[in-house]
Amino acid sequence: AKTTIEQITRRAGVSRNTFFNYFPGKADLLWVELDASRAVLTDALA
């Protein structure tokens, strides 16, 4: 809750626009592995 997108981008050394090129919001950073697993599941079923 105390972490802002600005703090994240500052620490990563990228711009706020760059952040939104990769993630719709802060919460999406919690789920990178599970979001990637959906693509693996889709490909495996296909």
PDB file of all heavy atoms in Angstrom:
ATOM      1  N   ALA A   1       0.813  -1.221   0.000  1.00  0.00           N
ATOM      2  CA  ALA A   1       0.000   0.000   0.000  1.00  0.00           C
ATOM      3  C   ALA A   1       0.844   1.268   0.000  1.00  0.00           C
ATOM      4  O   ALA A   1       0.447   2.277  -0.595  1.00  0.00           O
ATOM      5  CB  ALA A   1      -0.945   0.002   1.195  1.00  0.00           C
ATOM      6  N   LYS A   2       1.992   1.240   0.630  1.00  0.00           N
ATOM      7  CA  LYS A   2       2.839   2.439   0.715  1.00  0.00           C
ATOM      8  C   LYS A   2       3.744   2.623  -0.490  1.00  0.00           C
ATOM      9  O   LYS A   2       4.434   3.635  -0.598  1.00  0.00           O
ATOM     10  CB  LYS A   2       3.683   2.389   1.987  1.00  0.00           C
ATOM     11  CG  LYS A   2       2.854   2.514   3.238  1.00  0.00           C
ATOM     12  CD  LYS A   2       3.731   2.479   4.473  1.00  0.00           C
ATOM     13  CE  LYS A   2       2.879   2.593   5.724  1.00  0.00           C
ATOM     14  NZ  LYS A   2       3.673   2.455   6.938  1.00  0.00           N
ATOM     15  N   THR A   3       3.766   1.654  -1.380  1.00  0.00           N
ATOM     16  CA  THR A   3       4.617   1.736  -2.563  1.00  0.00           C
ATOM     17  C   THR A   3       3.845   2.361  -3.720  1.00  0.00           C
ATOM     18  O   THR A   3       2.728   1.941  -4.020  1.00  0.00           O
ATOM     19  CB  THR A   3       5.115   0.333  -2.966  1.00  0.00           C
ATOM     20  OG1 THR A   3       5.855  -0.218  -1.877  1.00  0.00           O
ATOM     21  CG2 THR A   3       5.997   0.395  -4.200  1.00  0.00           C
ATOM     22  N   THR A   4       4.438   3.361  -4.341  1.00  0.00           N
ATOM     23  CA  THR A   4       3.802   4.027  -5.480  1.00  0.00           C
ATOM     24  C   THR A   4       4.466   3.601  -6.787  1.00  0.00           C
ATOM     25  O   THR A   4       5.605   3.109  -6.791  1.00  0.00           O
ATOM     26  CB  THR A   4       3.914   5.559  -5.350  1.00  0.00           C
ATOM     27  OG1 THR A   4       5.298   5.925  -5.458  1.00  0.00           O
ATOM     28  CG2 THR A   4       3.327   6.059  -4.033  1.00  0.00           C
ATOM     29  N   ILE A   5       3.756   3.817  -7.850  1.00  0.00           N
ATOM     30  CA  ILE A   5       4.322   3.540  -9.175  1.00  0.00           C
ATOM     31  C   ILE A   5       5.547   4.420  -9.404  1.00  0.00           C
ATOM     32  O   ILE A   5       6.542   3.967  -9.977  1.00  0.00           O
ATOM     33  CB  ILE A   5       3.248   3.744 -10.269  1.00  0.00           C
ATOM     34  CG1 ILE A   5       2.203   2.631 -10.157  1.00  0.00           C
ATOM     35  CG2 ILE A   5       3.879   3.770 -11.662  1.00  0.00           C
ATOM     36  CD1 ILE A   5       0.997   2.803 -11.047  1.00  0.00           C
ATOM     37  N   GLU A   6       5.510   5.656  -8.933  1.00  0.00           N
ATOM     38  CA  GLU A   6       6.652   6.553  -9.088  1.00  0.00           C
ATOM     39  C   GLU A   6       7.890   5.996  -8.396  1.00  0.00           C
ATOM     40  O   GLU A   6       9.000   6.061  -8.924  1.00  0.00           O
ATOM     41  CB  GLU A   6       6.322   7.950  -8.554  1.00  0.00           C
ATOM     42  CG  GLU A   6       5.355   8.728  -9.415  1.00  0.00           C
ATOM     43  CD  GLU A   6       3.887   8.242  -9.336  1.00  0.00           C
ATOM     44  OE1 GLU A   6       3.510   7.558  -8.344  1.00  0.00           O
ATOM     45  OE2 GLU A   6       3.132   8.512 -10.278  1.00  0.00           O
ATOM     46  N   GLN A   7       7.713   5.435  -7.201  1.00  0.00           N
ATOM     47  CA  GLN A   7       8.848   4.843  -6.489  1.00  0.00           C
ATOM     48  C   GLN A   7       9.401   3.638  -7.255  1.00  0.00           C
ATOM     49  O   GLN A   7      10.617   3.450  -7.333  1.00  0.00           O
ATOM     50  CB  GLN A   7       8.426   4.410  -5.083  1.00  0.00           C
ATOM     51  CG  GLN A   7       8.130   5.553  -4.154  1.00  0.00           C
ATOM     52  CD  GLN A   7       7.477   5.078  -2.862  1.00  0.00           C
ATOM     53  OE1 GLN A   7       6.737   4.097  -2.839  1.00  0.00           O
ATOM     54  NE2 GLN A   7       7.759   5.795  -1.770  1.00  0.00           N
ATOM     55  N   ILE A   8       8.513   2.852  -7.799  1.00  0.00           N
ATOM     56  CA  ILE A   8       8.932   1.674  -8.560  1.00  0.00           C
ATOM     57  C   ILE A   8       9.733   2.098  -9.792  1.00  0.00           C
ATOM     58  O   ILE A   8      10.813   1.561 -10.057  1.00  0.00           O
ATOM     59  CB  ILE A   8       7.716   0.817  -8.969  1.00  0.00           C
ATOM     60  CG1 ILE A   8       7.035   0.237  -7.731  1.00  0.00           C
ATOM     61  CG2 ILE A   8       8.135  -0.305  -9.931  1.00  0.00           C
ATOM     62  CD1 ILE A   8       5.660  -0.374  -7.990  1.00  0.00           C
ATOM     63  N   THR A   9       9.212   3.067 -10.534  1.00  0.00           N
ATOM     64  CA  THR A   9       9.911   3.489 -11.755  1.00  0.00           C
ATOM     65  C   THR A   9      11.247   4.149 -11.430  1.00  0.00           C
ATOM     66  O   THR A   9      12.225   3.949 -12.145  1.00  0.00           O
ATOM     67  CB  THR A   9       9.042   4.436 -12.607  1.00  0.00           C
ATOM     68  OG1 THR A   9       8.680   5.578 -11.832  1.00  0.00           O
ATOM     69  CG2 THR A   9       7.801   3.729 -13.117  1.00  0.00           C
ATOM     70  N   ARG A  10      11.283   4.896 -10.351  1.00  0.00           N
ATOM     71  CA  ARG A  10      12.539   5.545  -9.944  1.00  0.00           C
ATOM     72  C   ARG A  10      13.592   4.484  -9.622  1.00  0.00           C
ATOM     73  O   ARG A  10      14.724   4.550 -10.087  1.00  0.00           O
ATOM     74  CB  ARG A  10      12.309   6.460  -8.747  1.00  0.00           C
ATOM     75  CG  ARG A  10      13.475   7.358  -8.426  1.00  0.00           C
ATOM     76  CD  ARG A  10      13.192   8.368  -7.307  1.00  0.00           C
ATOM     77  NE  ARG A  10      11.858   8.950  -7.340  1.00  0.00           N
ATOM     78  CZ  ARG A  10      10.942   8.797  -6.368  1.00  0.00           C
ATOM     79  NH1 ARG A  10      11.219   8.111  -5.279  1.00  0.00           N
ATOM     80  NH2 ARG A  10       9.755   9.353  -6.477  1.00  0.00           N
ATOM     81  N   ARG A  11      13.190   3.486  -8.842  1.00  0.00           N
ATOM     82  CA  ARG A  11      14.142   2.437  -8.466  1.00  0.00           C
ATOM     83  C   ARG A  11      14.575   1.631  -9.689  1.00  0.00           C
ATOM     84  O   ARG A  11      15.733   1.230  -9.776  1.00  0.00           O
ATOM     85  CB  ARG A  11      13.548   1.509  -7.423  1.00  0.00           C
ATOM     86  CG  ARG A  11      14.578   0.442  -7.049  1.00  0.00           C
ATOM     87  CD  ARG A  11      14.453  -0.195  -5.738  1.00  0.00           C
ATOM     88  NE  ARG A  11      14.468   0.657  -4.591  1.00  0.00           N
ATOM     89  CZ  ARG A  11      14.360   0.193  -3.356  1.00  0.00           C
ATOM     90  NH1 ARG A  11      14.263  -1.109  -3.141  1.00  0.00           N
ATOM     91  NH2 ARG A  11      14.353   0.999  -2.320  1.00  0.00           N
ATOM     92  N   ALA A  12      13.672   1.401 -10.610  1.00  0.00           N
ATOM     93  CA  ALA A  12      14.004   0.627 -11.817  1.00  0.00           C
ATOM     94  C   ALA A  12      14.762   1.456 -12.844  1.00  0.00           C
ATOM     95  O   ALA A  12      15.351   0.896 -13.772  1.00  0.00           O
ATOM     96  CB  ALA A  12      12.730   0.072 -12.443  1.00  0.00           C
ATOM     97  N   GLY A  13      14.735   2.771 -12.684  1.00  0.00           N
ATOM     98  CA  GLY A  13      15.435   3.637 -13.634  1.00  0.00           C
ATOM     99  C   GLY A  13      14.727   3.768 -14.964  1.00  0.00           C
ATOM    100  O   GLY A  13      15.365   3.885 -16.005  1.00  0.00           O
ATOM    101  N   VAL A  14      13.394   3.735 -14.919  1.00  0.00           N
ATOM    102  CA  VAL A  14      12.605   3.885 -16.141  1.00  0.00           C
ATOM    103  C   VAL A  14      11.536   4.950 -15.910  1.00  0.00           C
ATOM    104  O   VAL A  14      11.285   5.358 -14.787  1.00  0.00           O
ATOM    105  CB  VAL A  14      11.938   2.553 -16.571  1.00  0.00           C
ATOM    106  CG1 VAL A  14      12.993   1.486 -16.842  1.00  0.00           C
ATOM    107  CG2 VAL A  14      10.931   2.071 -15.546  1.00  0.00           C
ATOM    108  N   SER A  15      10.899   5.361 -16.981  1.00  0.00           N
ATOM    109  CA  SER A  15       9.864   6.390 -16.878  1.00  0.00           C
ATOM    110  C   SER A  15       8.511   5.778 -16.510  1.00  0.00           C
ATOM    111  O   SER A  15       8.294   4.569 -16.639  1.00  0.00           O
ATOM    112  CB  SER A  15       9.731   7.133 -18.207  1.00  0.00           C
ATOM    113  OG  SER A  15       9.122   6.287 -19.171  1.00  0.00           O
ATOM    114  N   ARG A  16       7.610   6.633 -16.086  1.00  0.00           N
ATOM    115  CA  ARG A  16       6.236   6.210 -15.781  1.00  0.00           C
ATOM    116  C   ARG A  16       5.579   5.632 -17.038  1.00  0.00           C
ATOM    117  O   ARG A  16       4.858   4.635 -16.969  1.00  0.00           O
ATOM    118  CB  ARG A  16       5.451   7.415 -15.252  1.00  0.00           C
ATOM    119  CG  ARG A  16       4.056   7.094 -14.803  1.00  0.00           C
ATOM    120  CD  ARG A  16       3.399   8.335 -14.169  1.00  0.00           C
ATOM    121  NE  ARG A  16       1.993   8.149 -13.972  1.00  0.00           N
ATOM    122  CZ  ARG A  16       1.450   7.565 -12.910  1.00  0.00           C
ATOM    123  NH1 ARG A  16       2.225   7.115 -11.946  1.00  0.00           N
ATOM    124  NH2 ARG A  16       0.148   7.426 -12.795  1.00  0.00           N
ATOM    125  N   ASN A  17       5.833   6.245 -18.190  1.00  0.00           N
ATOM    126  CA  ASN A  17       5.286   5.720 -19.446  1.00  0.00           C
ATOM    127  C   ASN A  17       5.793   4.309 -19.722  1.00  0.00           C
ATOM    128  O   ASN A  17       5.041   3.452 -20.201  1.00  0.00           O
ATOM    129  CB  ASN A  17       5.628   6.645 -20.614  1.00  0.00           C
ATOM    130  CG  ASN A  17       4.828   7.922 -20.591  1.00  0.00           C
ATOM    131  OD1 ASN A  17       3.789   8.007 -19.942  1.00  0.00           O
ATOM    132  ND2 ASN A  17       5.315   8.930 -21.281  1.00  0.00           N
ATOM    133  N   THR A  18       7.056   4.077 -19.430  1.00  0.00           N
ATOM    134  CA  THR A  18       7.614   2.741 -19.626  1.00  0.00           C
ATOM    135  C   THR A  18       6.885   1.737 -18.746  1.00  0.00           C
ATOM    136  O   THR A  18       6.564   0.627 -19.182  1.00  0.00           O
ATOM    137  CB  THR A  18       9.126   2.733 -19.330  1.00  0.00           C
ATOM    138  OG1 THR A  18       9.774   3.627 -20.238  1.00  0.00           O
ATOM    139  CG2 THR A  18       9.716   1.343 -19.475  1.00  0.00           C
ATOM    140  N   PHE A  19       6.612   2.129 -17.509  1.00  0.00           N
ATOM    141  CA  PHE A  19       5.872   1.250 -16.604  1.00  0.00           C
ATOM    142  C   PHE A  19       4.574   0.795 -17.269  1.00  0.00           C
ATOM    143  O   PHE A  19       4.265  -0.395 -17.315  1.00  0.00           O
ATOM    144  CB  PHE A  19       5.555   1.964 -15.276  1.00  0.00           C
ATOM    145  CG  PHE A  19       4.732   1.137 -14.343  1.00  0.00           C
ATOM    146  CD1 PHE A  19       5.342   0.333 -13.401  1.00  0.00           C
ATOM    147  CD2 PHE A  19       3.332   1.143 -14.410  1.00  0.00           C
ATOM    148  CE1 PHE A  19       4.585  -0.448 -12.541  1.00  0.00           C
ATOM    149  CE2 PHE A  19       2.577   0.364 -13.560  1.00  0.00           C
ATOM    150  CZ  PHE A  19       3.202  -0.441 -12.620  1.00  0.00           C
ATOM    151  N   PHE A  20       3.811   1.749 -17.791  1.00  0.00           N
ATOM    152  CA  PHE A  20       2.502   1.423 -18.357  1.00  0.00           C
ATOM    153  C   PHE A  20       2.601   0.720 -19.709  1.00  0.00           C
ATOM    154  O   PHE A  20       1.610   0.182 -20.194  1.00  0.00           O
ATOM    155  CB  PHE A  20       1.619   2.672 -18.416  1.00  0.00           C
ATOM    156  CG  PHE A  20       1.162   3.092 -17.048  1.00  0.00           C
ATOM    157  CD1 PHE A  20       1.663   4.237 -16.450  1.00  0.00           C
ATOM    158  CD2 PHE A  20       0.253   2.325 -16.337  1.00  0.00           C
ATOM    159  CE1 PHE A  20       1.257   4.617 -15.175  1.00  0.00           C
ATOM    160  CE2 PHE A  20      -0.155   2.682 -15.062  1.00  0.00           C
ATOM    161  CZ  PHE A  20       0.349   3.830 -14.480  1.00  0.00           C
ATOM    162  N   ASN A  21       3.778   0.678 -20.296  1.00  0.00           N
ATOM    163  CA  ASN A  21       3.980  -0.146 -21.488  1.00  0.00           C
ATOM    164  C   ASN A  21       3.972  -1.631 -21.131  1.00  0.00           C
ATOM    165  O   ASN A  21       3.692  -2.472 -21.972  1.00  0.00           O
ATOM    166  CB  ASN A  21       5.305   0.191 -22.178  1.00  0.00           C
ATOM    167  CG  ASN A  21       5.248   1.481 -22.946  1.00  0.00           C
ATOM    168  OD1 ASN A  21       4.178   1.949 -23.329  1.00  0.00           O
ATOM    169  ND2 ASN A  21       6.396   2.085 -23.161  1.00  0.00           N
ATOM    170  N   TYR A  22       4.314  -1.933 -19.884  1.00  0.00           N
ATOM    171  CA  TYR A  22       4.425  -3.321 -19.445  1.00  0.00           C
ATOM    172  C   TYR A  22       3.292  -3.789 -18.552  1.00  0.00           C
ATOM    173  O   TYR A  22       2.924  -4.958 -18.580  1.00  0.00           O
ATOM    174  CB  TYR A  22       5.750  -3.531 -18.695  1.00  0.00           C
ATOM    175  CG  TYR A  22       6.951  -3.239 -19.546  1.00  0.00           C
ATOM    176  CD1 TYR A  22       7.735  -2.122 -19.313  1.00  0.00           C
ATOM    177  CD2 TYR A  22       7.293  -4.071 -20.600  1.00  0.00           C
ATOM    178  CE1 TYR A  22       8.838  -1.846 -20.096  1.00  0.00           C
ATOM    179  CE2 TYR A  22       8.395  -3.805 -21.392  1.00  0.00           C
ATOM    180  CZ  TYR A  22       9.163  -2.692 -21.134  1.00  0.00           C
ATOM    181  OH  TYR A  22      10.238  -2.423 -21.919  1.00  0.00           O
ATOM    182  N   PHE A  23       2.787  -2.889 -17.720  1.00  0.00           N
ATOM    183  CA  PHE A  23       1.810  -3.276 -16.704  1.00  0.00           C
ATOM    184  C   PHE A  23       0.658  -2.287 -16.651  1.00  0.00           C
ATOM    185  O   PHE A  23       0.891  -1.083 -16.615  1.00  0.00           O
ATOM    186  CB  PHE A  23       2.478  -3.343 -15.318  1.00  0.00           C
ATOM    187  CG  PHE A  23       3.635  -4.289 -15.265  1.00  0.00           C
ATOM    188  CD1 PHE A  23       4.934  -3.823 -15.321  1.00  0.00           C
ATOM    189  CD2 PHE A  23       3.426  -5.656 -15.183  1.00  0.00           C
ATOM    190  CE1 PHE A  23       6.008  -4.693 -15.288  1.00  0.00           C
ATOM    191  CE2 PHE A  23       4.495  -6.536 -15.152  1.00  0.00           C
ATOM    192  CZ  PHE A  23       5.791  -6.047 -15.205  1.00  0.00           C
ATOM    193  N   PRO A  24      -0.582  -2.789 -16.597  1.00  0.00           N
ATOM    194  CA  PRO A  24      -1.730  -1.885 -16.481  1.00  0.00           C
ATOM    195  C   PRO A  24      -1.774  -1.152 -15.138  1.00  0.00           C
ATOM    196  O   PRO A  24      -2.267  -0.040 -15.042  1.00  0.00           O
ATOM    197  CB  PRO A  24      -2.939  -2.800 -16.624  1.00  0.00           C
ATOM    198  CG  PRO A  24      -2.426  -4.051 -17.248  1.00  0.00           C
ATOM    199  CD  PRO A  24      -0.986  -4.169 -16.840  1.00  0.00           C
ATOM    200  N   GLY A  25      -1.248  -1.779 -14.088  1.00  0.00           N
ATOM    201  CA  GLY A  25      -1.275  -1.157 -12.770  1.00  0.00           C
ATOM    202  C   GLY A  25      -0.311  -1.839 -11.821  1.00  0.00           C
ATOM    203  O   GLY A  25       0.295  -2.871 -12.149  1.00  0.00           O
ATOM    204  N   LYS A  26      -0.199  -1.290 -10.649  1.00  0.00           N
ATOM    205  CA  LYS A  26       0.729  -1.796  -9.640  1.00  0.00           C
ATOM    206  C   LYS A  26       0.415  -3.246  -9.253  1.00  0.00           C
ATOM    207  O   LYS A  26       1.326  -4.057  -9.088  1.00  0.00           O
ATOM    208  CB  LYS A  26       0.662  -0.867  -8.414  1.00  0.00           C
ATOM    209  CG  LYS A  26       1.572  -1.236  -7.291  1.00  0.00           C
ATOM    210  CD  LYS A  26       1.578  -0.183  -6.189  1.00  0.00           C
ATOM    211  CE  LYS A  26       0.341  -0.259  -5.324  1.00  0.00           C
ATOM    212  NZ  LYS A  26       0.465   0.531  -4.078  1.00  0.00           N
ATOM    213  N   ALA A  27      -0.839  -3.590  -9.123  1.00  0.00           N
ATOM    214  CA  ALA A  27      -1.217  -4.940  -8.704  1.00  0.00           C
ATOM    215  C   ALA A  27      -0.732  -6.011  -9.675  1.00  0.00           C
ATOM    216  O   ALA A  27      -0.475  -7.151  -9.280  1.00  0.00           O
ATOM    217  CB  ALA A  27      -2.728  -5.041  -8.542  1.00  0.00           C
ATOM    218  N   ASP A  28      -0.590  -5.662 -10.935  1.00  0.00           N
ATOM    219  CA  ASP A  28      -0.161  -6.641 -11.932  1.00  0.00           C
ATOM    220  C   ASP A  28       1.255  -7.138 -11.682  1.00  0.00           C
ATOM    221  O   ASP A  28       1.623  -8.224 -12.119  1.00  0.00           O
ATOM    222  CB  ASP A  28      -0.301  -6.052 -13.334  1.00  0.00           C
ATOM    223  CG  ASP A  28      -1.744  -5.753 -13.646  1.00  0.00           C
ATOM    224  OD1 ASP A  28      -2.523  -6.705 -13.811  1.00  0.00           O
ATOM    225  OD2 ASP A  28      -2.103  -4.563 -13.683  1.00  0.00           O
ATOM    226  N   LEU A  29       2.046  -6.350 -10.959  1.00  0.00           N
ATOM    227  CA  LEU A  29       3.400  -6.771 -10.627  1.00  0.00           C
ATOM    228  C   LEU A  29       3.423  -7.928  -9.635  1.00  0.00           C
ATOM    229  O   LEU A  29       4.412  -8.644  -9.522  1.00  0.00           O
ATOM    230  CB  LEU A  29       4.197  -5.591 -10.058  1.00  0.00           C
ATOM    231  CG  LEU A  29       4.598  -4.571 -11.113  1.00  0.00           C
ATOM    232  CD1 LEU A  29       4.867  -3.215 -10.480  1.00  0.00           C
ATOM    233  CD2 LEU A  29       5.802  -5.057 -11.886  1.00  0.00           C
ATOM    234  N   LEU A  30       2.342  -8.129  -8.928  1.00  0.00           N
ATOM    235  CA  LEU A  30       2.257  -9.236  -7.976  1.00  0.00           C
ATOM    236  C   LEU A  30       2.070 -10.583  -8.664  1.00  0.00           C
ATOM    237  O   LEU A  30       2.310 -11.621  -8.080  1.00  0.00           O
ATOM    238  CB  LEU A  30       1.077  -9.020  -7.015  1.00  0.00           C
ATOM    239  CG  LEU A  30       1.122  -7.796  -6.123  1.00  0.00           C
ATOM    240  CD1 LEU A  30      -0.223  -7.617  -5.430  1.00  0.00           C
ATOM    241  CD2 LEU A  30       2.246  -7.918  -5.109  1.00  0.00           C
ATOM    242  N   TRP A  31       1.611 -10.547  -9.896  1.00  0.00           N
ATOM    243  CA  TRP A  31       1.127 -11.757 -10.550  1.00  0.00           C
ATOM    244  C   TRP A  31       1.839 -12.098 -11.843  1.00  0.00           C
ATOM    245  O   TRP A  31       1.297 -12.829 -12.669  1.00  0.00           O
ATOM    246  CB  TRP A  31      -0.366 -11.605 -10.820  1.00  0.00           C
ATOM    247  CG  TRP A  31      -1.116 -11.358  -9.566  1.00  0.00           C
ATOM    248  CD1 TRP A  31      -1.614 -10.171  -9.101  1.00  0.00           C
ATOM    249  CD2 TRP A  31      -1.402 -12.325  -8.560  1.00  0.00           C
ATOM    250  NE1 TRP A  31      -2.207 -10.353  -7.888  1.00  0.00           N
ATOM    251  CE2 TRP A  31      -2.091 -11.662  -7.526  1.00  0.00           C
ATOM    252  CE3 TRP A  31      -1.158 -13.687  -8.444  1.00  0.00           C
ATOM    253  CZ2 TRP A  31      -2.530 -12.327  -6.384  1.00  0.00           C
ATOM    254  CZ3 TRP A  31      -1.601 -14.341  -7.309  1.00  0.00           C
ATOM    255  CH2 TRP A  31      -2.280 -13.659  -6.301  1.00  0.00           C
ATOM    256  N   VAL A  32       3.035 -11.620 -12.046  1.00  0.00           N
ATOM    257  CA  VAL A  32       3.744 -11.826 -13.311  1.00  0.00           C
ATOM    258  C   VAL A  32       3.843 -13.317 -13.652  1.00  0.00           C
ATOM    259  O   VAL A  32       3.548 -13.724 -14.779  1.00  0.00           O
ATOM    260  CB  VAL A  32       5.139 -11.164 -13.268  1.00  0.00           C
ATOM    261  CG1 VAL A  32       5.972 -11.531 -14.478  1.00  0.00           C
ATOM    262  CG2 VAL A  32       4.997  -9.647 -13.155  1.00  0.00           C
ATOM    263  N   GLU A  33       4.253 -14.127 -12.683  1.00  0.00           N
ATOM    264  CA  GLU A  33       4.430 -15.554 -12.948  1.00  0.00           C
ATOM    265  C   GLU A  33       3.104 -16.237 -13.285  1.00  0.00           C
ATOM    266  O   GLU A  33       3.027 -17.051 -14.195  1.00  0.00           O
ATOM    267  CB  GLU A  33       5.084 -16.257 -11.745  1.00  0.00           C
ATOM    268  CG  GLU A  33       6.537 -15.882 -11.547  1.00  0.00           C
ATOM    269  CD  GLU A  33       6.718 -14.630 -10.684  1.00  0.00           C
ATOM    270  OE1 GLU A  33       5.698 -14.017 -10.261  1.00  0.00           O
ATOM    271  OE2 GLU A  33       7.865 -14.252 -10.438  1.00  0.00           O
ATOM    272  N   LEU A  34       2.055 -15.892 -12.548  1.00  0.00           N
ATOM    273  CA  LEU A  34       0.762 -16.530 -12.825  1.00  0.00           C
ATOM    274  C   LEU A  34       0.161 -16.052 -14.141  1.00  0.00           C
ATOM    275  O   LEU A  34      -0.475 -16.834 -14.854  1.00  0.00           O
ATOM    276  CB  LEU A  34      -0.207 -16.307 -11.669  1.00  0.00           C
ATOM    277  CG  LEU A  34       0.143 -17.060 -10.387  1.00  0.00           C
ATOM    278  CD1 LEU A  34      -0.907 -16.816  -9.308  1.00  0.00           C
ATOM    279  CD2 LEU A  34       0.304 -18.543 -10.632  1.00  0.00           C
ATOM    280  N   ASP A  35       0.379 -14.798 -14.478  1.00  0.00           N
ATOM    281  CA  ASP A  35      -0.098 -14.314 -15.774  1.00  0.00           C
ATOM    282  C   ASP A  35       0.638 -15.028 -16.908  1.00  0.00           C
ATOM    283  O   ASP A  35       0.031 -15.412 -17.911  1.00  0.00           O
ATOM    284  CB  ASP A  35       0.062 -12.799 -15.888  1.00  0.00           C
ATOM    285  CG  ASP A  35      -0.916 -12.039 -15.001  1.00  0.00           C
ATOM    286  OD1 ASP A  35      -1.917 -12.639 -14.540  1.00  0.00           O
ATOM    287  OD2 ASP A  35      -0.687 -10.836 -14.768  1.00  0.00           O
ATOM    288  N   ALA A  36       1.931 -15.234 -16.730  1.00  0.00           N
ATOM    289  CA  ALA A  36       2.706 -15.959 -17.743  1.00  0.00           C
ATOM    290  C   ALA A  36       2.245 -17.410 -17.841  1.00  0.00           C
ATOM    291  O   ALA A  36       2.232 -17.993 -18.935  1.00  0.00           O
ATOM    292  CB  ALA A  36       4.191 -15.889 -17.415  1.00  0.00           C
ATOM    293  N   SER A  37       1.822 -17.986 -16.717  1.00  0.00           N
ATOM    294  CA  SER A  37       1.374 -19.379 -16.739  1.00  0.00           C
ATOM    295  C   SER A  37       0.105 -19.562 -17.568  1.00  0.00           C
ATOM    296  O   SER A  37      -0.132 -20.633 -18.116  1.00  0.00           O
ATOM    297  CB  SER A  37       1.178 -19.916 -15.319  1.00  0.00           C
ATOM    298  OG  SER A  37      -0.006 -19.419 -14.736  1.00  0.00           O
ATOM    299  N   ARG A  38      -0.707 -18.513 -17.673  1.00  0.00           N
ATOM    300  CA  ARG A  38      -1.919 -18.609 -18.495  1.00  0.00           C
ATOM    301  C   ARG A  38      -1.537 -18.806 -19.963  1.00  0.00           C
ATOM    302  O   ARG A  38      -2.178 -19.587 -20.679  1.00  0.00           O
ATOM    303  CB  ARG A  38      -2.805 -17.389 -18.306  1.00  0.00           C
ATOM    304  CG  ARG A  38      -4.170 -17.562 -18.953  1.00  0.00           C
ATOM    305  CD  ARG A  38      -5.150 -16.463 -18.602  1.00  0.00           C
ATOM    306  NE  ARG A  38      -4.689 -15.155 -19.014  1.00  0.00           N
ATOM    307  CZ  ARG A  38      -4.367 -14.156 -18.194  1.00  0.00           C
ATOM    308  NH1 ARG A  38      -4.458 -14.297 -16.889  1.00  0.00           N
ATOM    309  NH2 ARG A  38      -3.965 -13.004 -18.656  1.00  0.00           N
ATOM    310  N   ALA A  39      -0.498 -18.138 -20.419  1.00  0.00           N
ATOM    311  CA  ALA A  39      -0.040 -18.311 -21.804  1.00  0.00           C
ATOM    312  C   ALA A  39       0.508 -19.725 -22.003  1.00  0.00           C
ATOM    313  O   ALA A  39       0.262 -20.347 -23.048  1.00  0.00           O
ATOM    314  CB  ALA A  39       1.017 -17.264 -22.151  1.00  0.00           C
ATOM    315  N   VAL A  40       1.236 -20.246 -21.022  1.00  0.00           N
ATOM    316  CA  VAL A  40       1.757 -21.612 -21.107  1.00  0.00           C
ATOM    317  C   VAL A  40       0.592 -22.602 -21.180  1.00  0.00           C
ATOM    318  O   VAL A  40       0.597 -23.529 -21.999  1.00  0.00           O
ATOM    319  CB  VAL A  40       2.681 -21.931 -19.912  1.00  0.00           C
ATOM    320  CG1 VAL A  40       3.110 -23.396 -19.921  1.00  0.00           C
ATOM    321  CG2 VAL A  40       3.905 -21.019 -19.917  1.00  0.00           C
ATOM    322  N   LEU A  41      -0.416 -22.405 -20.350  1.00  0.00           N
ATOM    323  CA  LEU A  41      -1.592 -23.276 -20.349  1.00  0.00           C
ATOM    324  C   LEU A  41      -2.305 -23.225 -21.699  1.00  0.00           C
ATOM    325  O   LEU A  41      -2.656 -24.267 -22.274  1.00  0.00           O
ATOM    326  CB  LEU A  41      -2.551 -22.875 -19.226  1.00  0.00           C
ATOM    327  CG  LEU A  41      -3.863 -23.643 -19.123  1.00  0.00           C
ATOM    328  CD1 LEU A  41      -3.621 -25.124 -18.858  1.00  0.00           C
ATOM    329  CD2 LEU A  41      -4.745 -23.040 -18.034  1.00  0.00           C
ATOM    330  N   THR A  42      -2.491 -22.038 -22.214  1.00  0.00           N
ATOM    331  CA  THR A  42      -3.152 -21.868 -23.509  1.00  0.00           C
ATOM    332  C   THR A  42      -2.396 -22.613 -24.604  1.00  0.00           C
ATOM    333  O   THR A  42      -2.993 -23.342 -25.409  1.00  0.00           O
ATOM    334  CB  THR A  42      -3.261 -20.365 -23.866  1.00  0.00           C
ATOM    335  OG1 THR A  42      -4.015 -19.712 -22.840  1.00  0.00           O
ATOM    336  CG2 THR A  42      -3.930 -20.144 -25.211  1.00  0.00           C
ATOM    337  N   ASP A  43      -1.081 -22.437 -24.637  1.00  0.00           N
ATOM    338  CA  ASP A  43      -0.255 -23.097 -25.659  1.00  0.00           C
ATOM    339  C   ASP A  43      -0.275 -24.617 -25.501  1.00  0.00           C
ATOM    340  O   ASP A  43      -0.341 -25.346 -26.494  1.00  0.00           O
ATOM    341  CB  ASP A  43       1.182 -22.586 -25.599  1.00  0.00           C
ATOM    342  CG  ASP A  43       1.315 -21.130 -26.022  1.00  0.00           C
ATOM    343  OD1 ASP A  43       0.360 -20.580 -26.628  1.00  0.00           O
ATOM    344  OD2 ASP A  43       2.377 -20.529 -25.738  1.00  0.00           O
ATOM    345  N   ALA A  44      -0.219 -25.092 -24.261  1.00  0.00           N
ATOM    346  CA  ALA A  44      -0.223 -26.539 -24.024  1.00  0.00           C
ATOM    347  C   ALA A  44      -1.549 -27.167 -24.461  1.00  0.00           C
ATOM    348  O   ALA A  44      -1.563 -28.249 -25.047  1.00  0.00           O
ATOM    349  CB  ALA A  44       0.056 -26.835 -22.554  1.00  0.00           C
ATOM    350  N   LEU A  45      -2.639 -26.479 -24.196  1.00  0.00           N
ATOM    351  CA  LEU A  45      -3.944 -27.001 -24.632  1.00  0.00           C
ATOM    352  C   LEU A  45      -4.059 -26.972 -26.155  1.00  0.00           C
ATOM    353  O   LEU A  45      -4.578 -27.914 -26.759  1.00  0.00           O
ATOM    354  CB  LEU A  45      -5.083 -26.209 -23.988  1.00  0.00           C
ATOM    355  CG  LEU A  45      -5.287 -26.477 -22.495  1.00  0.00           C
ATOM    356  CD1 LEU A  45      -6.266 -25.468 -21.900  1.00  0.00           C
ATOM    357  CD2 LEU A  45      -5.773 -27.903 -22.261  1.00  0.00           C
ATOM    358  N   ALA A  46      -3.560 -25.909 -26.760  1.00  0.00           N
ATOM    359  CA  ALA A  46      -3.609 -25.807 -28.226  1.00  0.00           C
ATOM    360  C   ALA A  46      -2.778 -26.900 -28.891  1.00  0.00           C
ATOM    361  O   ALA A  46      -3.104 -27.348 -29.997  1.00  0.00           O
ATOM    362  CB  ALA A  46      -3.126 -24.427 -28.670  1.00  0.00           C
TER     363      ALA A  46
END
